Every structure is written in structure tokens, then in C-alpha cells.
Amino acid sequence: MGVVLRVAALLGGLLLGVLALDDLGAVRFLAAFADTDAADVTVALGYVLVATLFGGAMLSLPAPRAAGIVFIIAGLIGIFVGSSTAWGNALVWGGGAVILAILCFIAHRIKRGKERRVRERELREPPHRQPHPRARRRRRQLRDHPGHAVGSGLFHRLHARHADDRPGAAEGDGA
């Protein structure tokens, strides 16, 4: 369920960003005729709104809490621009961003709950017995080179076989 909400926030953020960018093109065209400072500020804040919508969409999958914060910022910018300028559609984009922020916060809560349940399950289960590193190395040596592994007894058997050939060696001492 959390992944579905994060994907919905991703797609919604991209859709809102593209629609706001398209609407911003019309505002920019009209602002060129008005040639006032207020129109220029409206266009600049519109680009910031579009950038935060795309940024929130980008963060919605890996970090839903951060995406929610970015969508809240986009919503505040959209509501501010829509209520104080002639670009009334900015209210729609700001309201949509607030809804996407709510989706992201719910998705974060679901993701955090799943991670907590996994941690609790790992704490309840006894840890698996891991063999000593030397034991693993010895098993690997025996598997790869059965006659040459350290401690395989091959050296001792060969040494015992040739013990009577050495001068001064006692019979059967095995050394």
C-alpha cells in the first residue's frame, strides 16, 4: 500500500508539474505584455512552484517524508501566488501539492511501520549460529584440495612412512 501511495505521489507530482508549467507559459506570455514587476515576480514564483513539484515527485519513492516537506513548500508557494496575483490556477496547483504531501506522509508512516516490524522480527528470532572463520577456511581447503589441506594428516603419514629411512630414527616413532 505504501509503494502504491509513493508511486501515486510520483505520478501526481509529475502531472501537476507539467500542467503548471504549461499554464505558466500562458502567464509568462501575458506577463510579457504587462511588463510590470509584479508579473515578473509571478513568473519567477511560478518556476519555483514547478521546480518544487518536480523535486517532490523525484523524492517520493526513496524519501517520502522529504517529498512531503517539498510538496508542502510547493503548496504554500502555490496558495500564496494564487491568492495574491492574477494567476488563479496557482491555487489549484498549490492545493494539489498539499494533497500529494498528505499522500507522502501516509506512505512514510506505512514504510516506517514495515521497517519497525522487520526489526522486531529480527530481534525475536535467535541469531543463526555462524561457524568460526577458521572452520570455514578449513572446510574450504578440504573441499578444494583434499590431499593438501593443512591438518589433513598427509604430512604426518608421509613423514611416518619414511621415518625408518632416516638415520637415527627409531622404529615406529612416527616423527
Protein backbone atom coordinates (compact mmCIF):
# COMPACT_ATOMS: atom_id res chain seq x y z
CA MET A 1 0.00 0.00 0.00
CA GLY A 2 2.85 2.37 0.81
CA VAL A 3 4.51 1.76 -2.55
CA VAL A 4 1.23 2.49 -4.32
CA LEU A 5 0.94 5.81 -2.48
CA ARG A 6 4.54 6.72 -3.31
CA VAL A 7 4.03 5.91 -6.99
CA ALA A 8 0.79 7.93 -6.95
CA ALA A 9 2.69 10.86 -5.44
CA LEU A 10 5.38 10.48 -8.11
CA LEU A 11 2.89 10.46 -10.98
CA GLY A 12 0.75 13.17 -9.41
CA GLY A 13 3.76 15.42 -8.87
CA LEU A 14 4.91 14.95 -12.44
CA LEU A 15 1.42 15.58 -13.79
CA LEU A 16 0.92 18.69 -11.64
CA GLY A 17 4.37 19.95 -12.62
CA VAL A 18 3.74 19.54 -16.33
CA LEU A 19 0.28 21.14 -16.12
CA ALA A 20 1.60 24.02 -14.01
CA LEU A 21 4.48 24.52 -16.45
CA ASP A 22 2.04 24.64 -19.35
CA ASP A 23 -0.17 27.12 -17.51
CA LEU A 24 2.92 29.13 -16.56
CA GLY A 25 3.76 29.50 -20.25
CA ALA A 26 0.47 31.34 -20.77
CA VAL A 27 1.12 33.52 -17.71
CA ARG A 28 4.61 34.30 -18.98
CA PHE A 29 3.23 35.25 -22.40
CA LEU A 30 0.72 37.62 -20.81
CA ALA A 31 3.38 38.99 -18.42
CA ALA A 32 5.47 39.99 -21.43
CA PHE A 33 2.68 42.34 -22.47
CA ALA A 34 2.12 43.71 -18.96
CA ASP A 35 5.83 44.34 -18.40
CA THR A 36 5.46 45.01 -14.67
CA ASP A 37 7.49 43.87 -11.70
CA ALA A 38 4.51 42.00 -10.27
CA ALA A 39 4.16 39.95 -13.45
CA ASP A 40 7.87 39.12 -13.39
CA VAL A 41 7.65 38.03 -9.74
CA THR A 42 4.62 35.89 -10.55
CA VAL A 43 6.50 34.12 -13.34
CA ALA A 44 9.57 33.63 -11.14
CA LEU A 45 7.49 32.17 -8.30
CA GLY A 46 5.70 30.00 -10.87
CA TYR A 47 9.02 28.50 -11.91
CA VAL A 48 9.89 27.87 -8.26
CA LEU A 49 6.50 26.18 -7.85
CA VAL A 50 7.13 23.94 -10.86
CA ALA A 51 10.65 23.10 -9.63
CA THR A 52 9.37 22.12 -6.17
CA LEU A 53 6.62 19.99 -7.73
CA PHE A 54 9.20 18.12 -9.80
CA GLY A 55 11.54 17.88 -6.80
CA GLY A 56 8.80 16.40 -4.62
CA ALA A 57 7.94 13.91 -7.35
CA MET A 58 11.60 12.92 -7.60
CA LEU A 59 11.87 12.32 -3.85
CA SER A 60 8.57 10.49 -3.42
CA LEU A 61 9.95 6.98 -4.00
CA PRO A 62 13.21 6.99 -1.99
CA ALA A 63 12.30 9.52 0.73
CA PRO A 64 8.57 10.09 1.16
CA ARG A 65 8.96 12.32 4.23
CA ALA A 66 11.30 14.69 2.37
CA ALA A 67 8.92 14.63 -0.60
CA GLY A 68 6.07 15.58 1.72
CA ILE A 69 8.04 18.56 3.01
CA VAL A 70 8.87 19.68 -0.55
CA PHE A 71 5.21 19.30 -1.58
CA ILE A 72 4.17 21.39 1.45
CA ILE A 73 6.57 24.12 0.30
CA ALA A 74 5.12 23.89 -3.22
CA GLY A 75 1.61 24.09 -1.80
CA LEU A 76 2.43 27.20 0.22
CA ILE A 77 4.01 28.87 -2.80
CA GLY A 78 1.03 27.95 -4.99
CA ILE A 79 -1.53 29.19 -2.47
CA PHE A 80 0.44 32.41 -1.92
CA VAL A 81 0.83 33.10 -5.65
CA GLY A 82 -2.74 32.14 -6.47
CA SER A 83 -4.26 34.33 -3.78
CA SER A 84 -2.08 37.41 -4.32
CA THR A 85 -1.77 37.60 -8.12
CA ALA A 86 -3.96 37.23 -11.17
CA TRP A 87 -2.74 33.65 -11.73
CA GLY A 88 -5.73 31.94 -10.15
CA ASN A 89 -4.79 28.44 -11.28
CA ALA A 90 -1.84 28.54 -8.91
CA LEU A 91 -4.36 27.83 -6.13
CA VAL A 92 -5.21 24.57 -7.88
CA TRP A 93 -1.55 23.57 -8.18
CA GLY A 94 -0.91 24.54 -4.56
CA GLY A 95 -3.93 22.56 -3.33
CA GLY A 96 -2.83 19.55 -5.38
CA ALA A 97 0.64 19.79 -3.87
CA VAL A 98 -0.83 19.76 -0.34
CA ILE A 99 -2.83 16.63 -1.21
CA LEU A 100 0.35 14.98 -2.55
CA ALA A 101 2.14 15.96 0.67
CA ILE A 102 -0.54 14.16 2.68
CA LEU A 103 -0.10 11.07 0.48
CA CYS A 104 3.67 11.18 1.05
CA PHE A 105 3.32 11.47 4.82
CA ILE A 106 0.93 8.49 4.89
CA ALA A 107 3.35 6.50 2.69
CA HIS A 108 6.21 7.38 5.03
CA ARG A 109 4.21 6.20 8.02
CA ILE A 110 3.45 2.87 6.31
CA LYS A 111 7.10 2.42 5.27
CA ARG A 112 8.33 3.19 8.80
CA GLY A 113 5.84 0.69 10.27
CA LYS A 114 7.03 -2.06 7.94
CA GLU A 115 10.67 -1.37 8.81
CA ARG A 116 9.82 -1.44 12.53
CA ARG A 117 8.04 -4.79 12.19
CA VAL A 118 11.04 -6.26 10.35
CA ARG A 119 13.41 -5.04 13.11
CA GLU A 120 11.18 -6.53 15.80
CA ARG A 121 11.03 -9.86 13.98
CA GLU A 122 14.82 -9.93 13.69
CA LEU A 123 15.16 -9.25 17.41
CA ARG A 124 12.75 -12.04 18.34
CA GLU A 125 14.46 -14.70 16.23
CA PRO A 126 17.64 -16.19 17.69
CA PRO A 127 20.72 -15.40 15.64
CA HIS A 128 21.86 -18.23 13.43
CA ARG A 129 24.97 -19.99 14.61
CA GLN A 130 27.84 -18.88 12.49
CA PRO A 131 30.88 -21.17 12.28
CA HIS A 132 34.24 -19.83 13.31
CA PRO A 133 36.12 -18.22 10.38
CA ARG A 134 38.95 -20.74 10.66
CA ALA A 135 36.48 -23.61 10.47
CA ARG A 136 35.06 -22.19 7.25
CA ARG A 137 38.57 -21.78 5.84
CA ARG A 138 39.46 -25.38 6.77
CA ARG A 139 36.29 -26.74 5.14
CA ARG A 140 37.09 -24.75 2.00
CA GLN A 141 40.66 -26.10 1.97
CA LEU A 142 39.46 -29.66 2.37
CA ARG A 143 36.89 -29.20 -0.36
CA ASP A 144 39.25 -27.59 -2.88
CA HIS A 145 42.41 -29.61 -2.14
CA PRO A 146 41.54 -32.71 -0.16
CA GLY A 147 45.08 -34.10 -0.08
CA HIS A 148 46.91 -30.86 0.60
CA ALA A 149 44.86 -29.12 3.22
CA VAL A 150 46.52 -28.01 6.41
CA GLY A 151 45.96 -30.60 9.10
CA SER A 152 44.85 -33.28 6.66
CA GLY A 153 47.41 -35.70 8.06
CA LEU A 154 49.15 -36.16 4.71
CA PHE A 155 52.42 -34.72 6.00
CA HIS A 156 52.33 -36.96 9.06
CA ARG A 157 51.60 -40.07 7.02
CA LEU A 158 54.42 -39.34 4.58
CA HIS A 159 56.76 -38.48 7.41
CA ALA A 160 55.92 -41.74 9.23
CA ARG A 161 56.37 -43.78 6.06
CA HIS A 162 59.92 -42.51 5.56
CA ALA A 163 60.88 -42.48 9.24
CA ASP A 164 62.93 -45.69 9.06
CA ASP A 165 64.92 -44.29 6.11
CA ARG A 166 66.35 -41.51 8.25
CA PRO A 167 69.46 -42.25 10.20
CA GLY A 168 68.91 -42.39 13.94
CA ALA A 169 65.14 -42.70 13.70
CA ALA A 170 63.54 -45.25 15.96
CA GLU A 171 61.16 -47.83 14.67
CA GLY A 172 57.56 -46.62 14.73
CA ASP A 173 58.17 -43.29 16.46
CA GLY A 174 56.18 -41.56 13.67
CA ALA A 175 58.24 -38.41 13.85
